[in-house]
């Protein structure tokens, strides 16, 4: 059996030594975290469509918890047009096995967000 870290491994050894039956990472429990998303900018296009725009820099302003929140907002409100303007196309997350890193644009594409770098494109106002 392979464990994620040495602490889990030592816990498993202790359970085995005491003869306590156990399973490891077999049970999944669904949960929902609720919160409030405060939109940075709300614009109305010339055709009357509402677009919500989030502006994000690099580093802590677009950390794992922020990315998770944005995904939750998109999943729970698929009818809303939420877009992101990144300050730059920064690297996020850990390095991949090939040495490359995910960029903010990669993340936006992966999760279906319309995005721009540095400024709101004119086409978003149309």
Protein backbone atom coordinates (compact mmCIF):
# COMPACT_ATOMS: atom_id res chain seq x y z
CA UNK A 1 0.00 0.00 0.00
CA UNK A 2 1.23 3.47 -0.91
CA UNK A 3 0.43 6.48 1.29
CA UNK A 4 0.61 10.18 0.46
CA UNK A 5 3.07 11.02 3.21
CA UNK A 6 5.06 9.54 6.07
CA UNK A 7 2.54 10.60 8.70
CA UNK A 8 -0.27 8.65 7.01
CA UNK A 9 2.10 5.70 6.66
CA UNK A 10 2.99 5.72 10.37
CA UNK A 11 -0.72 6.02 11.27
CA UNK A 12 -1.47 2.95 9.13
CA UNK A 13 1.36 1.02 10.81
CA UNK A 14 -0.03 1.93 14.24
CA UNK A 15 -3.52 0.76 13.27
CA UNK A 16 -2.12 -2.51 11.90
CA UNK A 17 -0.01 -3.05 15.04
CA UNK A 18 -3.16 -2.77 17.16
CA UNK A 19 -5.08 -5.09 14.88
CA UNK A 20 -7.60 -2.41 13.97
CA UNK A 21 -9.17 -2.98 10.55
CA UNK A 22 -9.24 0.09 8.33
CA UNK A 23 -9.57 1.25 4.76
CA UNK A 24 -7.47 3.98 3.19
CA UNK A 25 -8.84 6.64 0.83
CA UNK A 26 -11.84 4.61 -0.27
CA UNK A 27 -14.68 6.82 0.98
CA UNK A 28 -15.57 10.13 -0.65
CA UNK A 29 -17.88 12.60 1.08
CA UNK A 30 -19.44 15.42 -0.92
CA UNK A 31 -19.52 18.89 0.59
CA UNK A 32 -20.42 22.39 -0.47
CA UNK A 33 -18.71 25.54 0.70
CA UNK A 34 -20.83 28.65 0.46
CA UNK A 35 -19.61 32.17 0.20
CA UNK A 36 -20.22 35.48 -1.48
CA UNK A 37 -18.47 36.64 -4.62
CA UNK A 38 -18.07 40.40 -4.89
CA UNK A 39 -17.77 41.25 -8.59
CA UNK A 40 -15.04 43.74 -9.49
CA UNK A 41 -16.80 45.30 -12.48
CA UNK A 42 -20.23 44.89 -14.04
CA UNK A 43 -20.74 46.26 -17.52
CA UNK A 44 -23.66 46.30 -19.90
CA UNK A 45 -22.86 45.83 -23.58
CA UNK A 46 -24.38 47.93 -26.33
CA UNK A 47 -26.84 45.06 -26.90
CA UNK A 48 -27.91 45.11 -23.24
CA UNK A 49 -26.02 42.00 -22.08
CA UNK A 50 -24.49 42.04 -18.58
CA UNK A 51 -20.86 40.97 -18.24
CA UNK A 52 -19.12 40.51 -14.89
CA UNK A 53 -15.40 41.20 -14.96
CA UNK A 54 -12.86 40.02 -12.41
CA UNK A 55 -9.39 41.58 -12.53
CA UNK A 56 -6.53 39.44 -11.28
CA UNK A 57 -2.82 39.91 -10.86
CA UNK A 58 -0.28 37.19 -10.22
CA UNK A 59 0.65 35.44 -7.01
CA UNK A 60 -1.70 35.59 -4.04
CA UNK A 61 -4.38 37.48 -5.91
CA UNK A 62 -4.92 34.34 -8.02
CA UNK A 63 -4.03 31.58 -5.57
CA UNK A 64 -5.69 28.18 -5.23
CA UNK A 65 -8.56 29.44 -3.04
CA UNK A 66 -9.41 32.22 -5.53
CA UNK A 67 -9.32 29.80 -8.46
CA UNK A 68 -11.56 27.37 -6.56
CA UNK A 69 -14.03 30.19 -5.81
CA UNK A 70 -14.15 31.27 -9.45
CA UNK A 71 -14.83 27.70 -10.59
CA UNK A 72 -17.63 27.39 -8.01
CA UNK A 73 -19.23 30.66 -9.15
CA UNK A 74 -19.12 29.52 -12.78
CA UNK A 75 -20.53 26.07 -11.98
CA UNK A 76 -23.29 27.35 -9.72
CA UNK A 77 -24.26 30.27 -12.01
CA UNK A 78 -23.77 29.01 -15.59
CA UNK A 79 -26.17 31.67 -16.87
CA UNK A 80 -23.83 34.51 -15.82
CA UNK A 81 -21.10 35.79 -18.13
CA UNK A 82 -18.10 36.01 -15.81
CA UNK A 83 -14.83 37.03 -17.48
CA UNK A 84 -11.33 37.63 -16.19
CA UNK A 85 -8.76 40.27 -17.07
CA UNK A 86 -5.30 39.18 -15.95
CA UNK A 87 -2.57 41.73 -15.28
CA UNK A 88 -0.19 39.37 -17.11
CA UNK A 89 -0.21 35.72 -18.12
CA UNK A 90 1.52 34.58 -14.96
CA UNK A 91 2.55 31.09 -13.95
CA UNK A 92 0.37 29.30 -11.41
CA UNK A 93 0.58 26.09 -9.43
CA UNK A 94 3.44 23.63 -9.16
CA UNK A 95 5.81 22.74 -11.96
CA UNK A 96 4.70 19.87 -14.16
CA UNK A 97 6.81 16.75 -14.63
CA UNK A 98 8.16 18.21 -17.89
CA UNK A 99 9.32 21.34 -16.03
CA UNK A 100 6.66 23.64 -17.46
CA UNK A 101 4.05 25.51 -15.45
CA UNK A 102 0.38 26.19 -16.02
CA UNK A 103 -0.26 29.81 -16.96
CA UNK A 104 -3.32 31.83 -16.03
CA UNK A 105 -4.54 31.65 -19.63
CA UNK A 106 -4.21 27.83 -19.54
CA UNK A 107 -6.35 27.76 -16.42
CA UNK A 108 -8.98 30.07 -17.95
CA UNK A 109 -9.20 27.90 -21.06
CA UNK A 110 -9.39 24.71 -19.00
CA UNK A 111 -12.35 26.00 -16.96
CA UNK A 112 -14.13 27.83 -19.76
CA UNK A 113 -13.53 31.44 -18.75
CA UNK A 114 -13.32 34.16 -21.36
CA UNK A 115 -10.22 36.16 -20.49
CA UNK A 116 -7.97 38.97 -21.61
CA UNK A 117 -4.52 40.18 -20.63
CA UNK A 118 -3.95 43.71 -19.28
CA UNK A 119 -7.10 45.44 -20.58
CA UNK A 120 -10.72 44.83 -21.53
CA UNK A 121 -10.98 44.21 -25.28
CA UNK A 122 -13.23 46.54 -27.27
CA UNK A 123 -15.19 43.49 -28.47
CA UNK A 124 -16.47 42.92 -24.92
CA UNK A 125 -18.41 46.22 -25.10
CA UNK A 126 -20.24 45.28 -28.31
